[in-house]
PDB file of N, CA and C in Angstrom:
ATOM      1  N   MET A   1       8.469 -13.105  -4.540  1.00  0.00           N
ATOM      2  CA  MET A   1       8.528 -11.984  -4.332  1.00  0.00           C
ATOM      3  C   MET A   1       7.501 -11.162  -4.902  1.00  0.00           C
ATOM      4  N   LYS A   2       6.705 -10.332  -4.927  1.00  0.00           N
ATOM      5  CA  LYS A   2       5.970  -9.548  -5.812  1.00  0.00           C
ATOM      6  C   LYS A   2       6.938  -8.374  -5.165  1.00  0.00           C
ATOM      7  N   TYR A   3       7.082  -7.313  -6.336  1.00  0.00           N
ATOM      8  CA  TYR A   3       7.856  -5.687  -5.930  1.00  0.00           C
ATOM      9  C   TYR A   3       6.959  -4.479  -6.722  1.00  0.00           C
ATOM     10  N   TYR A   4       6.898  -3.293  -6.752  1.00  0.00           N
ATOM     11  CA  TYR A   4       5.762  -2.348  -7.547  1.00  0.00           C
ATOM     12  C   TYR A   4       7.016  -1.306  -7.718  1.00  0.00           C
ATOM     13  N   HIS A   5       6.858  -1.006  -8.951  1.00  0.00           N
ATOM     14  CA  HIS A   5       7.893  -0.201  -9.594  1.00  0.00           C
ATOM     15  C   HIS A   5       7.072   0.777  -9.758  1.00  0.00           C
ATOM     16  N   PHE A   6       7.113   2.425  -9.285  1.00  0.00           N
ATOM     17  CA  PHE A   6       5.928   3.234  -9.743  1.00  0.00           C
ATOM     18  C   PHE A   6       7.272   4.134 -11.205  1.00  0.00           C
ATOM     19  N   VAL A   7       5.986   4.279 -12.132  1.00  0.00           N
ATOM     20  CA  VAL A   7       6.717   5.725 -13.104  1.00  0.00           C
ATOM     21  C   VAL A   7       5.161   6.664 -13.786  1.00  0.00           C
ATOM     22  N   ILE A   8       5.493   7.888 -13.467  1.00  0.00           N
ATOM     23  CA  ILE A   8       4.837   8.771 -13.067  1.00  0.00           C
ATOM     24  C   ILE A   8       5.132   9.780 -14.027  1.00  0.00           C
ATOM     25  N   GLY A   9       4.170  10.848 -14.278  1.00  0.00           N
ATOM     26  CA  GLY A   9       3.792  11.977 -15.122  1.00  0.00           C
ATOM     27  C   GLY A   9       3.860  11.691 -16.984  1.00  0.00           C
ATOM     28  N   GLY A  10       3.207   9.925 -17.262  1.00  0.00           N
ATOM     29  CA  GLY A  10       3.207   9.780 -18.789  1.00  0.00           C
ATOM     30  C   GLY A  10       1.817   9.937 -19.240  1.00  0.00           C
ATOM     31  N   ARG A  11       1.791  10.374 -20.502  1.00  0.00           N
ATOM     32  CA  ARG A  11       0.946  11.482 -20.832  1.00  0.00           C
ATOM     33  C   ARG A  11       0.490  10.708 -22.090  1.00  0.00           C
ATOM     34  N   TRP A  12      -0.838   9.901 -23.119  1.00  0.00           N
ATOM     35  CA  TRP A  12      -0.975  10.348 -24.347  1.00  0.00           C
ATOM     36  C   TRP A  12      -1.886  10.953 -24.811  1.00  0.00           C
ATOM     37  N   GLY A  13      -1.684  11.409 -25.386  1.00  0.00           N
ATOM     38  CA  GLY A  13      -2.534  12.053 -26.679  1.00  0.00           C
ATOM     39  C   GLY A  13      -1.986  13.361 -27.468  1.00  0.00           C
ATOM     40  N   LYS A  14      -3.070  14.603 -27.781  1.00  0.00           N
ATOM     41  CA  LYS A  14      -2.907  15.492 -28.388  1.00  0.00           C
ATOM     42  C   LYS A  14      -0.766  15.995 -28.196  1.00  0.00           C
ATOM     43  N   GLN A  15      -1.013  15.776 -26.594  1.00  0.00           N
ATOM     44  CA  GLN A  15       0.553  16.191 -25.513  1.00  0.00           C
ATOM     45  C   GLN A  15       0.833  14.598 -25.189  1.00  0.00           C
ATOM     46  N   VAL A  16       2.046  14.497 -25.610  1.00  0.00           N
ATOM     47  CA  VAL A  16       2.726  12.539 -25.256  1.00  0.00           C
ATOM     48  C   VAL A  16       4.041  13.516 -24.039  1.00  0.00           C
ATOM     49  N   ALA A  17       4.101  12.791 -22.421  1.00  0.00           N
ATOM     50  CA  ALA A  17       4.548  12.780 -22.067  1.00  0.00           C
ATOM     51  C   ALA A  17       5.358  11.470 -21.716  1.00  0.00           C
ATOM     52  N   ILE A  18       6.920  11.135 -21.678  1.00  0.00           N
ATOM     53  CA  ILE A  18       7.090   9.603 -21.142  1.00  0.00           C
ATOM     54  C   ILE A  18       7.081   9.764 -19.932  1.00  0.00           C
ATOM     55  N   GLY A  19       6.415   8.585 -19.190  1.00  0.00           N
ATOM     56  CA  GLY A  19       6.860   8.485 -17.860  1.00  0.00           C
ATOM     57  C   GLY A  19       8.254   8.157 -17.010  1.00  0.00           C
ATOM     58  N   GLN A  20       8.467   8.828 -15.382  1.00  0.00           N
ATOM     59  CA  GLN A  20       9.341   8.485 -15.293  1.00  0.00           C
ATOM     60  C   GLN A  20       9.382   7.601 -13.817  1.00  0.00           C
ATOM     61  N   PRO A  21      10.216   6.701 -13.946  1.00  0.00           N
ATOM     62  CA  PRO A  21      10.665   5.881 -13.116  1.00  0.00           C
ATOM     63  C   PRO A  21      10.969   6.384 -11.862  1.00  0.00           C
ATOM     64  N   LEU A  22      10.221   6.645 -10.365  1.00  0.00           N
ATOM     65  CA  LEU A  22      10.712   6.459  -8.849  1.00  0.00           C
ATOM     66  C   LEU A  22      12.046   6.049  -8.741  1.00  0.00           C
ATOM     67  N   ARG A  23      12.831   6.541  -8.046  1.00  0.00           N
ATOM     68  CA  ARG A  23      13.798   5.754  -7.785  1.00  0.00           C
ATOM     69  C   ARG A  23      13.580   4.470  -6.394  1.00  0.00           C
ATOM     70  N   ARG A  24      12.295   4.448  -5.928  1.00  0.00           N
ATOM     71  CA  ARG A  24      12.593   3.265  -4.827  1.00  0.00           C
ATOM     72  C   ARG A  24      11.328   2.426  -5.519  1.00  0.00           C
ATOM     73  N   ILE A  25      11.670   1.156  -5.078  1.00  0.00           N
ATOM     74  CA  ILE A  25      11.209  -0.222  -5.854  1.00  0.00           C
ATOM     75  C   ILE A  25      10.094  -0.536  -4.532  1.00  0.00           C
ATOM     76  N   PHE A  26       9.198  -0.726  -4.207  1.00  0.00           N
ATOM     77  CA  PHE A  26       8.217  -0.753  -3.331  1.00  0.00           C
ATOM     78  C   PHE A  26       8.074  -2.755  -3.116  1.00  0.00           C
ATOM     79  N   THR A  27       7.505  -3.363  -2.095  1.00  0.00           N
ATOM     80  CA  THR A  27       7.534  -4.812  -1.738  1.00  0.00           C
ATOM     81  C   THR A  27       6.139  -4.610  -1.104  1.00  0.00           C
ATOM     82  N   ASP A  28       6.671  -3.806  -0.457  1.00  0.00           N
ATOM     83  CA  ASP A  28       5.041  -3.991   0.764  1.00  0.00           C
ATOM     84  C   ASP A  28       3.690  -3.018   0.231  1.00  0.00           C
ATOM     85  N   PRO A  29       2.661  -3.920   0.118  1.00  0.00           N
ATOM     86  CA  PRO A  29       1.441  -3.886  -0.676  1.00  0.00           C
ATOM     87  C   PRO A  29       0.604  -2.434   0.378  1.00  0.00           C
ATOM     88  N   GLU A  30       0.825  -1.682   1.690  1.00  0.00           N
ATOM     89  CA  GLU A  30       0.577  -1.296   2.512  1.00  0.00           C
ATOM     90  C   GLU A  30       1.094   0.221   1.812  1.00  0.00           C
ATOM     91  N   ALA A  31       2.273   0.275   1.699  1.00  0.00           N
ATOM     92  CA  ALA A  31       3.403   0.858   1.203  1.00  0.00           C
ATOM     93  C   ALA A  31       2.913   1.700  -0.257  1.00  0.00           C
ATOM     94  N   VAL A  32       2.461   0.726  -0.804  1.00  0.00           N
ATOM     95  CA  VAL A  32       1.930   0.562  -2.211  1.00  0.00           C
ATOM     96  C   VAL A  32       0.947   1.846  -2.000  1.00  0.00           C
ATOM     97  N   LEU A  33      -0.221   1.183  -1.689  1.00  0.00           N
ATOM     98  CA  LEU A  33      -1.515   1.939  -1.409  1.00  0.00           C
ATOM     99  C   LEU A  33      -1.150   3.903  -0.758  1.00  0.00           C
ATOM    100  N   LYS A  34      -0.309   3.757   0.006  1.00  0.00           N
ATOM    101  CA  LYS A  34      -0.054   4.693   1.076  1.00  0.00           C
ATOM    102  C   LYS A  34       0.409   5.994   0.134  1.00  0.00           C
ATOM    103  N   LEU A  35       1.509   5.549  -1.143  1.00  0.00           N
ATOM    104  CA  LEU A  35       1.881   6.164  -1.751  1.00  0.00           C
ATOM    105  C   LEU A  35       1.088   6.890  -2.789  1.00  0.00           C
ATOM    106  N   VAL A  36       0.022   6.069  -3.447  1.00  0.00           N
ATOM    107  CA  VAL A  36      -1.028   6.215  -4.205  1.00  0.00           C
ATOM    108  C   VAL A  36      -1.299   7.181  -3.631  1.00  0.00           C
ATOM    109  N   GLU A  37      -2.029   7.174  -2.515  1.00  0.00           N
ATOM    110  CA  GLU A  37      -2.846   8.396  -1.569  1.00  0.00           C
ATOM    111  C   GLU A  37      -1.687   9.480  -1.500  1.00  0.00           C
ATOM    112  N   LYS A  38      -0.521   9.353  -1.822  1.00  0.00           N
ATOM    113  CA  LYS A  38      -0.178  10.508  -1.456  1.00  0.00           C
ATOM    114  C   LYS A  38       0.270  11.147  -2.385  1.00  0.00           C
ATOM    115  N   ILE A  39       0.584  10.626  -3.708  1.00  0.00           N
ATOM    116  CA  ILE A  39       0.495  11.154  -4.803  1.00  0.00           C
ATOM    117  C   ILE A  39      -0.701  11.904  -5.399  1.00  0.00           C
ATOM    118  N   ILE A  40      -1.808  11.469  -4.276  1.00  0.00           N
ATOM    119  CA  ILE A  40      -3.040  11.979  -5.709  1.00  0.00           C
ATOM    120  C   ILE A  40      -3.801  13.483  -4.577  1.00  0.00           C
ATOM    121  N   PHE A  41      -3.057  13.358  -3.003  1.00  0.00           N
ATOM    122  CA  PHE A  41      -2.901  14.656  -2.483  1.00  0.00           C
ATOM    123  C   PHE A  41      -2.132  15.553  -2.415  1.00  0.00           C
ATOM    124  N   PHE A  42      -0.584  15.251  -3.225  1.00  0.00           N
ATOM    125  CA  PHE A  42      -0.215  15.553  -3.934  1.00  0.00           C
ATOM    126  C   PHE A  42      -0.480  16.922  -4.952  1.00  0.00           C
ATOM    127  N   TYR A  43      -1.101  16.071  -5.686  1.00  0.00           N
ATOM    128  CA  TYR A  43      -1.955  16.218  -6.811  1.00  0.00           C
ATOM    129  C   TYR A  43      -2.810  17.471  -6.812  1.00  0.00           C
ATOM    130  N   GLN A  44      -3.592  17.331  -5.257  1.00  0.00           N
ATOM    131  CA  GLN A  44      -4.761  18.181  -5.422  1.00  0.00           C
ATOM    132  C   GLN A  44      -3.833  19.667  -4.597  1.00  0.00           C
ATOM    133  N   GLN A  45      -3.181  19.361  -3.942  1.00  0.00           N
ATOM    134  CA  GLN A  45      -2.205  20.423  -3.438  1.00  0.00           C
ATOM    135  C   GLN A  45      -1.471  21.487  -4.210  1.00  0.00           C
ATOM    136  N   GLN A  46      -0.622  20.509  -5.405  1.00  0.00           N
ATOM    137  CA  GLN A  46       0.470  21.551  -6.328  1.00  0.00           C
ATOM    138  C   GLN A  46      -0.921  22.003  -7.807  1.00  0.00           C
ATOM    139  N   GLY A  47      -1.065  20.698  -8.114  1.00  0.00           N
ATOM    140  CA  GLY A  47      -1.659  21.104  -9.130  1.00  0.00           C
ATOM    141  C   GLY A  47      -2.487  22.263 -10.180  1.00  0.00           C
ATOM    142  N   LEU A  48      -2.458  23.075 -11.089  1.00  0.00           N
ATOM    143  CA  LEU A  48      -3.122  24.367 -11.323  1.00  0.00           C
ATOM    144  C   LEU A  48      -4.387  23.685 -11.727  1.00  0.00           C
ATOM    145  N   PRO A  49      -5.181  24.441 -11.906  1.00  0.00           N
ATOM    146  CA  PRO A  49      -6.999  24.137 -12.552  1.00  0.00           C
ATOM    147  C   PRO A  49      -6.392  23.672 -14.309  1.00  0.00           C
ATOM    148  N   ARG A  50      -6.950  22.563 -14.068  1.00  0.00           N
ATOM    149  CA  ARG A  50      -7.280  22.687 -15.563  1.00  0.00           C
ATOM    150  C   ARG A  50      -5.981  21.869 -16.117  1.00  0.00           C
ATOM    151  N   GLU A  51      -4.402  21.449 -15.285  1.00  0.00           N
ATOM    152  CA  GLU A  51      -3.700  20.908 -15.150  1.00  0.00           C
ATOM    153  C   GLU A  51      -3.219  19.723 -15.115  1.00  0.00           C
ATOM    154  N   ARG A  52      -2.335  18.661 -15.541  1.00  0.00           N
ATOM    155  CA  ARG A  52      -2.371  17.556 -15.966  1.00  0.00           C
ATOM    156  C   ARG A  52      -1.378  17.371 -14.838  1.00  0.00           C
ATOM    157  N   PHE A  53      -0.976  15.860 -14.470  1.00  0.00           N
ATOM    158  CA  PHE A  53      -0.122  15.621 -13.694  1.00  0.00           C
ATOM    159  C   PHE A  53       0.959  15.937 -14.054  1.00  0.00           C
ATOM    160  N   ALA A  54       1.332  15.324 -15.328  1.00  0.00           N
ATOM    161  CA  ALA A  54       2.292  15.266 -16.214  1.00  0.00           C
ATOM    162  C   ALA A  54       2.603  16.946 -16.687  1.00  0.00           C
ATOM    163  N   GLN A  55       1.919  17.801 -16.837  1.00  0.00           N
ATOM    164  CA  GLN A  55       1.973  18.790 -16.606  1.00  0.00           C
ATOM    165  C   GLN A  55       2.654  19.567 -15.380  1.00  0.00           C
ATOM    166  N   THR A  56       2.237  19.079 -14.040  1.00  0.00           N
ATOM    167  CA  THR A  56       2.258  19.812 -12.752  1.00  0.00           C
ATOM    168  C   THR A  56       3.888  18.772 -12.484  1.00  0.00           C
ATOM    169  N   ILE A  57       3.989  17.740 -13.095  1.00  0.00           N
ATOM    170  CA  ILE A  57       6.014  17.113 -12.781  1.00  0.00           C
ATOM    171  C   ILE A  57       6.794  17.719 -13.692  1.00  0.00           C
ATOM    172  N   ALA A  58       6.173  18.098 -14.641  1.00  0.00           N
ATOM    173  CA  ALA A  58       6.800  19.470 -15.483  1.00  0.00           C
ATOM    174  C   ALA A  58       7.801  20.344 -15.091  1.00  0.00           C
ATOM    175  N   ARG A  59       6.333  21.534 -14.703  1.00  0.00           N
ATOM    176  CA  ARG A  59       6.496  22.663 -13.620  1.00  0.00           C
ATOM    177  C   ARG A  59       7.452  22.561 -12.939  1.00  0.00           C
ATOM    178  N   LEU A  60       7.139  21.512 -11.963  1.00  0.00           N
ATOM    179  CA  LEU A  60       7.979  21.566 -10.814  1.00  0.00           C
ATOM    180  C   LEU A  60       9.444  21.075 -10.520  1.00  0.00           C
ATOM    181  N   GLY A  61       9.343  20.068 -11.528  1.00  0.00           N
ATOM    182  CA  GLY A  61      10.641  19.553 -11.859  1.00  0.00           C
ATOM    183  C   GLY A  61      10.705  18.372 -11.492  1.00  0.00           C
ATOM    184  N   PHE A  62      10.830  16.628 -11.947  1.00  0.00           N
ATOM    185  CA  PHE A  62      10.780  15.695 -11.449  1.00  0.00           C
ATOM    186  C   PHE A  62      11.438  15.090 -10.233  1.00  0.00           C
ATOM    187  N   GLU A  63      12.755  15.714  -9.998  1.00  0.00           N
ATOM    188  CA  GLU A  63      13.239  15.443  -8.780  1.00  0.00           C
ATOM    189  C   GLU A  63      12.591  15.854  -7.601  1.00  0.00           C
ATOM    190  N   THR A  64      12.516  17.521  -7.782  1.00  0.00           N
ATOM    191  CA  THR A  64      11.046  17.628  -6.571  1.00  0.00           C
ATOM    192  C   THR A  64      10.177  17.506  -6.381  1.00  0.00           C
ATOM    193  N   VAL A  65       9.121  16.640  -7.797  1.00  0.00           N
ATOM    194  CA  VAL A  65       7.930  16.016  -6.831  1.00  0.00           C
ATOM    195  C   VAL A  65       8.597  14.637  -6.684  1.00  0.00           C
ATOM    196  N   GLU A  66       9.716  13.744  -6.816  1.00  0.00           N
ATOM    197  CA  GLU A  66      10.302  12.518  -6.461  1.00  0.00           C
ATOM    198  C   GLU A  66      10.280  12.485  -4.978  1.00  0.00           C
ATOM    199  N   ALA A  67      11.033  13.732  -4.712  1.00  0.00           N
ATOM    200  CA  ALA A  67      11.584  13.894  -3.120  1.00  0.00           C
ATOM    201  C   ALA A  67      10.646  14.048  -2.339  1.00  0.00           C
ATOM    202  N   MET A  68       9.632  14.937  -2.430  1.00  0.00           N
ATOM    203  CA  MET A  68       8.371  15.275  -2.076  1.00  0.00           C
ATOM    204  C   MET A  68       7.499  13.899  -2.031  1.00  0.00           C
ATOM    205  N   LEU A  69       7.289  13.226  -3.013  1.00  0.00           N
ATOM    206  CA  LEU A  69       6.904  11.623  -2.599  1.00  0.00           C
ATOM    207  C   LEU A  69       7.382  10.547  -2.202  1.00  0.00           C
ATOM    208  N   LEU A  70       8.683  10.865  -1.860  1.00  0.00           N
ATOM    209  CA  LEU A  70       9.259  10.164  -1.106  1.00  0.00           C
ATOM    210  C   LEU A  70      10.006  10.144  -0.038  1.00  0.00           C
ATOM    211  N   GLY A  71       9.842  11.610   0.440  1.00  0.00           N
ATOM    212  CA  GLY A  71      10.134  11.954   1.743  1.00  0.00           C
ATOM    213  C   GLY A  71       9.354  11.628   2.696  1.00  0.00           C
ATOM    214  N   ASP A  72       9.616  11.867   4.079  1.00  0.00           N
ATOM    215  CA  ASP A  72       8.393  11.693   5.511  1.00  0.00           C
ATOM    216  C   ASP A  72       7.897  12.447   5.610  1.00  0.00           C
TER     217      ASP A  72
END
């Protein structure tokens, strides 16, 4: 059985951030694609201009972001 585990918020370069795993493990490829779409939409809506996704997560708090991404 294949499974997918998401780690979000990682970043390399001048500013390094270690990604944090979401608490849910996915087994359905369609659910994975829906989560990817949700992450992109979330970043479009919540990210500030010139802000990286890792910075958006740090600003809002990982627990908040995770709840928004995994909630319905």
